[in-house]
Amino acid sequence: MQSLLIKFIGIPLALILANFLFKSVDFKLVQPIIWFTAVLAPIGVLMEYIMISRISYGKQLMADFVSTLILVYLLSLILPAVTITFWGSILVALLITAMEAMVHKHLISDHLDHSYR
């Protein structure tokens, strides 16, 4: 639950930051940011529950990056009022993966604390 809340706050912030920092990312309205968050957050949490205890930290981040890249690019093609190039998708995926790296570190340490006490 904690991870989902972090994602519902972090993903829109990362998208807004990308909109201001990168010319290849252009959100003309707020609605696409809400849709991106509504798709990326639950998929991210599902992937965490599947992967967190099964694969290494590096592979988790790689899977997060690839899935975020694909989803951001596809959503940008489908949703109106948003223009994101493939390069912009890479940059957005890097921002979101950086956020995910911190979330995964927290989840792994929290899991280890509960497992050994």
C-alpha atoms as a PDB file:
ATOM      1  CA  MET A   1       0.000   0.000   0.000  1.00  0.00           C
ATOM      2  CA  GLN A   2       2.856   2.311   0.860  1.00  0.00           C
ATOM      3  CA  SER A   3       4.453   1.691  -2.540  1.00  0.00           C
ATOM      4  CA  LEU A   4       1.218   2.529  -4.364  1.00  0.00           C
ATOM      5  CA  LEU A   5       0.897   5.813  -2.490  1.00  0.00           C
ATOM      6  CA  ILE A   6       4.492   6.727  -3.348  1.00  0.00           C
ATOM      7  CA  LYS A   7       3.805   5.949  -7.002  1.00  0.00           C
ATOM      8  CA  PHE A   8       0.582   7.996  -7.086  1.00  0.00           C
ATOM      9  CA  ILE A   9       2.570  10.977  -5.821  1.00  0.00           C
ATOM     10  CA  GLY A  10       5.913  10.347  -7.539  1.00  0.00           C
ATOM     11  CA  ILE A  11       4.805   9.512 -11.084  1.00  0.00           C
ATOM     12  CA  PRO A  12       2.834  12.742 -11.662  1.00  0.00           C
ATOM     13  CA  LEU A  13       5.696  14.747 -10.169  1.00  0.00           C
ATOM     14  CA  ALA A  14       8.174  13.010 -12.481  1.00  0.00           C
ATOM     15  CA  LEU A  15       5.919  13.660 -15.486  1.00  0.00           C
ATOM     16  CA  ILE A  16       5.491  17.337 -14.591  1.00  0.00           C
ATOM     17  CA  LEU A  17       9.250  17.668 -14.081  1.00  0.00           C
ATOM     18  CA  ALA A  18       9.879  15.996 -17.445  1.00  0.00           C
ATOM     19  CA  ASN A  19       7.389  18.347 -19.073  1.00  0.00           C
ATOM     20  CA  PHE A  20       9.354  21.362 -17.840  1.00  0.00           C
ATOM     21  CA  LEU A  21      12.865  19.953 -18.366  1.00  0.00           C
ATOM     22  CA  PHE A  22      12.683  18.160 -21.704  1.00  0.00           C
ATOM     23  CA  LYS A  23      11.565  19.599 -25.031  1.00  0.00           C
ATOM     24  CA  SER A  24      10.694  16.098 -26.252  1.00  0.00           C
ATOM     25  CA  VAL A  25       7.980  15.787 -23.575  1.00  0.00           C
ATOM     26  CA  ASP A  26       4.904  17.977 -23.951  1.00  0.00           C
ATOM     27  CA  PHE A  27       1.738  17.588 -21.895  1.00  0.00           C
ATOM     28  CA  LYS A  28      -0.818  20.106 -23.105  1.00  0.00           C
ATOM     29  CA  LEU A  29      -3.408  19.135 -20.475  1.00  0.00           C
ATOM     30  CA  VAL A  30      -3.418  17.599 -16.995  1.00  0.00           C
ATOM     31  CA  GLN A  31      -5.683  14.695 -17.967  1.00  0.00           C
ATOM     32  CA  PRO A  32      -2.938  12.638 -19.725  1.00  0.00           C
ATOM     33  CA  ILE A  33      -0.789  12.877 -16.589  1.00  0.00           C
ATOM     34  CA  ILE A  34      -3.663  11.353 -14.618  1.00  0.00           C
ATOM     35  CA  TRP A  35      -4.036   8.558 -17.192  1.00  0.00           C
ATOM     36  CA  PHE A  36      -0.288   7.850 -17.180  1.00  0.00           C
ATOM     37  CA  THR A  37      -0.376   7.605 -13.387  1.00  0.00           C
ATOM     38  CA  ALA A  38      -3.487   5.417 -13.413  1.00  0.00           C
ATOM     39  CA  VAL A  39      -1.760   2.947 -15.753  1.00  0.00           C
ATOM     40  CA  LEU A  40       1.840   3.049 -14.493  1.00  0.00           C
ATOM     41  CA  ALA A  41       1.215   2.945 -10.717  1.00  0.00           C
ATOM     42  CA  PRO A  42      -0.812  -0.303 -10.473  1.00  0.00           C
ATOM     43  CA  ILE A  43       1.401  -2.065 -13.018  1.00  0.00           C
ATOM     44  CA  GLY A  44       4.470  -0.946 -11.071  1.00  0.00           C
ATOM     45  CA  VAL A  45       3.088  -2.265  -7.787  1.00  0.00           C
ATOM     46  CA  LEU A  46       2.124  -5.561  -9.406  1.00  0.00           C
ATOM     47  CA  MET A  47       5.607  -5.917 -10.865  1.00  0.00           C
ATOM     48  CA  GLU A  48       7.143  -5.192  -7.439  1.00  0.00           C
ATOM     49  CA  TYR A  49       5.124  -7.909  -5.740  1.00  0.00           C
ATOM     50  CA  ILE A  50       6.082 -10.372  -8.458  1.00  0.00           C
ATOM     51  CA  MET A  51       9.771  -9.481  -8.708  1.00  0.00           C
ATOM     52  CA  ILE A  52      10.955  -8.156  -5.340  1.00  0.00           C
ATOM     53  CA  SER A  53      11.822 -11.527  -3.836  1.00  0.00           C
ATOM     54  CA  ARG A  54      12.628 -13.387  -7.066  1.00  0.00           C
ATOM     55  CA  ILE A  55      15.185 -11.384  -9.019  1.00  0.00           C
ATOM     56  CA  SER A  56      18.117  -9.129  -8.225  1.00  0.00           C
ATOM     57  CA  TYR A  57      17.893  -5.392  -7.662  1.00  0.00           C
ATOM     58  CA  GLY A  58      19.576  -4.579 -10.972  1.00  0.00           C
ATOM     59  CA  LYS A  59      17.224  -6.804 -12.944  1.00  0.00           C
ATOM     60  CA  GLN A  60      14.242  -5.229 -11.171  1.00  0.00           C
ATOM     61  CA  LEU A  61      15.386  -1.772 -12.240  1.00  0.00           C
ATOM     62  CA  MET A  62      15.998  -2.956 -15.802  1.00  0.00           C
ATOM     63  CA  ALA A  63      12.508  -4.480 -15.956  1.00  0.00           C
ATOM     64  CA  ASP A  64      11.025  -1.268 -14.534  1.00  0.00           C
ATOM     65  CA  PHE A  65      12.893   0.845 -17.080  1.00  0.00           C
ATOM     66  CA  VAL A  66      11.870  -1.290 -20.065  1.00  0.00           C
ATOM     67  CA  SER A  67       8.224  -1.580 -19.022  1.00  0.00           C
ATOM     68  CA  THR A  68       7.989   2.144 -18.235  1.00  0.00           C
ATOM     69  CA  LEU A  69       9.621   3.024 -21.562  1.00  0.00           C
ATOM     70  CA  ILE A  70       7.190   0.878 -23.524  1.00  0.00           C
ATOM     71  CA  LEU A  71       4.107   2.035 -21.598  1.00  0.00           C
ATOM     72  CA  VAL A  72       5.021   5.730 -21.766  1.00  0.00           C
ATOM     73  CA  TYR A  73       5.671   5.542 -25.499  1.00  0.00           C
ATOM     74  CA  LEU A  74       2.470   3.613 -26.220  1.00  0.00           C
ATOM     75  CA  LEU A  75       0.347   5.853 -24.005  1.00  0.00           C
ATOM     76  CA  SER A  76       1.786   8.926 -25.708  1.00  0.00           C
ATOM     77  CA  LEU A  77       0.655   7.516 -29.048  1.00  0.00           C
ATOM     78  CA  ILE A  78      -2.840   6.731 -27.791  1.00  0.00           C
ATOM     79  CA  LEU A  79      -3.721   9.725 -25.614  1.00  0.00           C
ATOM     80  CA  PRO A  80      -4.580  13.106 -27.087  1.00  0.00           C
ATOM     81  CA  ALA A  81      -2.981  16.349 -25.853  1.00  0.00           C
ATOM     82  CA  VAL A  82       0.379  14.712 -25.207  1.00  0.00           C
ATOM     83  CA  THR A  83       3.426  14.558 -27.427  1.00  0.00           C
ATOM     84  CA  ILE A  84       6.363  12.451 -26.313  1.00  0.00           C
ATOM     85  CA  THR A  85       9.063  11.338 -28.709  1.00  0.00           C
ATOM     86  CA  PHE A  86      10.889   8.053 -28.260  1.00  0.00           C
ATOM     87  CA  TRP A  87      13.811   9.996 -26.786  1.00  0.00           C
ATOM     88  CA  GLY A  88      11.369  11.703 -24.422  1.00  0.00           C
ATOM     89  CA  SER A  89      10.040   8.289 -23.407  1.00  0.00           C
ATOM     90  CA  ILE A  90      13.582   7.233 -22.540  1.00  0.00           C
ATOM     91  CA  LEU A  91      14.083  10.347 -20.405  1.00  0.00           C
ATOM     92  CA  VAL A  92      10.747   9.898 -18.615  1.00  0.00           C
ATOM     93  CA  ALA A  93      11.538   6.218 -18.015  1.00  0.00           C
ATOM     94  CA  LEU A  94      14.906   7.205 -16.526  1.00  0.00           C
ATOM     95  CA  LEU A  95      13.227   9.670 -14.145  1.00  0.00           C
ATOM     96  CA  ILE A  96      10.607   7.167 -13.033  1.00  0.00           C
ATOM     97  CA  THR A  97      13.197   4.384 -12.721  1.00  0.00           C
ATOM     98  CA  ALA A  98      15.310   6.638 -10.477  1.00  0.00           C
ATOM     99  CA  MET A  99      12.267   7.055  -8.238  1.00  0.00           C
ATOM    100  CA  GLU A 100      11.642   3.301  -8.377  1.00  0.00           C
ATOM    101  CA  ALA A 101      15.241   2.630  -7.348  1.00  0.00           C
ATOM    102  CA  MET A 102      14.657   4.433  -4.068  1.00  0.00           C
ATOM    103  CA  VAL A 103      11.311   2.686  -3.530  1.00  0.00           C
ATOM    104  CA  HIS A 104      12.866  -0.730  -4.195  1.00  0.00           C
ATOM    105  CA  LYS A 105      15.735  -0.052  -1.774  1.00  0.00           C
ATOM    106  CA  HIS A 106      13.169   0.817   0.884  1.00  0.00           C
ATOM    107  CA  LEU A 107      11.029  -2.248   0.148  1.00  0.00           C
ATOM    108  CA  ILE A 108      14.022  -4.579   0.166  1.00  0.00           C
ATOM    109  CA  SER A 109      15.319  -3.210   3.480  1.00  0.00           C
ATOM    110  CA  ASP A 110      11.806  -3.306   4.966  1.00  0.00           C
ATOM    111  CA  HIS A 111      11.350  -6.898   3.762  1.00  0.00           C
ATOM    112  CA  LEU A 112      14.687  -7.937   5.267  1.00  0.00           C
ATOM    113  CA  ASP A 113      13.829  -6.253   8.580  1.00  0.00           C
ATOM    114  CA  HIS A 114      10.549  -8.164   8.811  1.00  0.00           C
ATOM    115  CA  SER A 115      12.051 -11.452   7.606  1.00  0.00           C
ATOM    116  CA  TYR A 116      14.821 -11.674  10.197  1.00  0.00           C
ATOM    117  CA  ARG A 117      13.117 -10.353  13.319  1.00  0.00           C
END
